[in-house]
Amino acid sequence: MSVHGLPANPGRLSLTNYLCWSYYMRQGELLHAQWRRLWKHERTSERRNGGT
């Protein structure tokens, strides 16, 4: 049994973790930008319609 249940080859595991992490970070950034654009659009349309 290795330390903390990690396999005997930590290099490959860290590489996999890094790839997954970078992928999810990129997806998160895209989602965040999309959400901000949508939110900004909602705010501008709301202001244009003279809402609260």
C-alpha atoms as a PDB file:
ATOM      1  CA  MET A   1       0.000   0.000   0.000  1.00  0.00           C
ATOM      2  CA  SER A   2       1.485   3.306  -1.034  1.00  0.00           C
ATOM      3  CA  VAL A   3       1.136   6.648   0.716  1.00  0.00           C
ATOM      4  CA  HIS A   4      -2.434   7.996   0.849  1.00  0.00           C
ATOM      5  CA  GLY A   5      -3.610   5.221  -1.466  1.00  0.00           C
ATOM      6  CA  LEU A   6      -1.791   6.652  -4.481  1.00  0.00           C
ATOM      7  CA  PRO A   7      -0.501   4.265  -7.132  1.00  0.00           C
ATOM      8  CA  ALA A   8       3.214   3.533  -7.436  1.00  0.00           C
ATOM      9  CA  ASN A   9       3.595   5.961 -10.345  1.00  0.00           C
ATOM     10  CA  PRO A  10       2.685   9.456  -9.068  1.00  0.00           C
ATOM     11  CA  GLY A  11       4.043  11.226 -12.158  1.00  0.00           C
ATOM     12  CA  ARG A  12       1.349   9.847 -14.433  1.00  0.00           C
ATOM     13  CA  LEU A  13      -1.346  10.503 -11.852  1.00  0.00           C
ATOM     14  CA  SER A  14      -0.301  14.123 -11.410  1.00  0.00           C
ATOM     15  CA  LEU A  15      -0.271  14.556 -15.193  1.00  0.00           C
ATOM     16  CA  THR A  16      -3.800  13.157 -15.419  1.00  0.00           C
ATOM     17  CA  ASN A  17      -4.917  15.356 -12.553  1.00  0.00           C
ATOM     18  CA  TYR A  18      -3.352  18.382 -14.229  1.00  0.00           C
ATOM     19  CA  LEU A  19      -5.059  17.660 -17.543  1.00  0.00           C
ATOM     20  CA  CYS A  20      -8.438  17.175 -15.875  1.00  0.00           C
ATOM     21  CA  TRP A  21      -7.924  20.281 -13.756  1.00  0.00           C
ATOM     22  CA  SER A  22      -6.941  22.485 -16.703  1.00  0.00           C
ATOM     23  CA  TYR A  23      -9.874  21.116 -18.729  1.00  0.00           C
ATOM     24  CA  TYR A  24     -12.375  21.847 -15.990  1.00  0.00           C
ATOM     25  CA  MET A  25     -10.862  25.261 -15.343  1.00  0.00           C
ATOM     26  CA  ARG A  26     -11.250  26.120 -19.033  1.00  0.00           C
ATOM     27  CA  GLN A  27     -14.843  24.868 -19.031  1.00  0.00           C
ATOM     28  CA  GLY A  28     -15.524  26.896 -15.902  1.00  0.00           C
ATOM     29  CA  GLU A  29     -14.095  30.029 -17.502  1.00  0.00           C
ATOM     30  CA  LEU A  30     -16.237  29.527 -20.597  1.00  0.00           C
ATOM     31  CA  LEU A  31     -19.342  29.004 -18.466  1.00  0.00           C
ATOM     32  CA  HIS A  32     -18.498  32.050 -16.370  1.00  0.00           C
ATOM     33  CA  ALA A  33     -18.035  34.242 -19.462  1.00  0.00           C
ATOM     34  CA  GLN A  34     -21.277  32.925 -20.929  1.00  0.00           C
ATOM     35  CA  TRP A  35     -23.137  33.613 -17.680  1.00  0.00           C
ATOM     36  CA  ARG A  36     -21.696  37.114 -17.411  1.00  0.00           C
ATOM     37  CA  ARG A  37     -22.692  37.884 -21.005  1.00  0.00           C
ATOM     38  CA  LEU A  38     -26.204  36.604 -20.351  1.00  0.00           C
ATOM     39  CA  TRP A  39     -26.434  38.570 -17.102  1.00  0.00           C
ATOM     40  CA  LYS A  40     -25.199  41.742 -18.785  1.00  0.00           C
ATOM     41  CA  HIS A  41     -27.719  41.239 -21.591  1.00  0.00           C
ATOM     42  CA  GLU A  42     -30.509  40.804 -19.054  1.00  0.00           C
ATOM     43  CA  ARG A  43     -29.486  43.966 -17.225  1.00  0.00           C
ATOM     44  CA  THR A  44     -29.283  46.057 -20.417  1.00  0.00           C
ATOM     45  CA  SER A  45     -32.636  44.828 -21.721  1.00  0.00           C
ATOM     46  CA  GLU A  46     -34.158  45.466 -18.303  1.00  0.00           C
ATOM     47  CA  ARG A  47     -32.813  49.012 -18.286  1.00  0.00           C
ATOM     48  CA  ARG A  48     -33.993  49.562 -21.865  1.00  0.00           C
ATOM     49  CA  ASN A  49     -37.508  48.409 -20.942  1.00  0.00           C
ATOM     50  CA  GLY A  50     -37.529  50.824 -18.018  1.00  0.00           C
ATOM     51  CA  GLY A  51     -37.928  48.109 -15.391  1.00  0.00           C
ATOM     52  CA  THR A  52     -37.025  48.316 -11.709  1.00  0.00           C
END
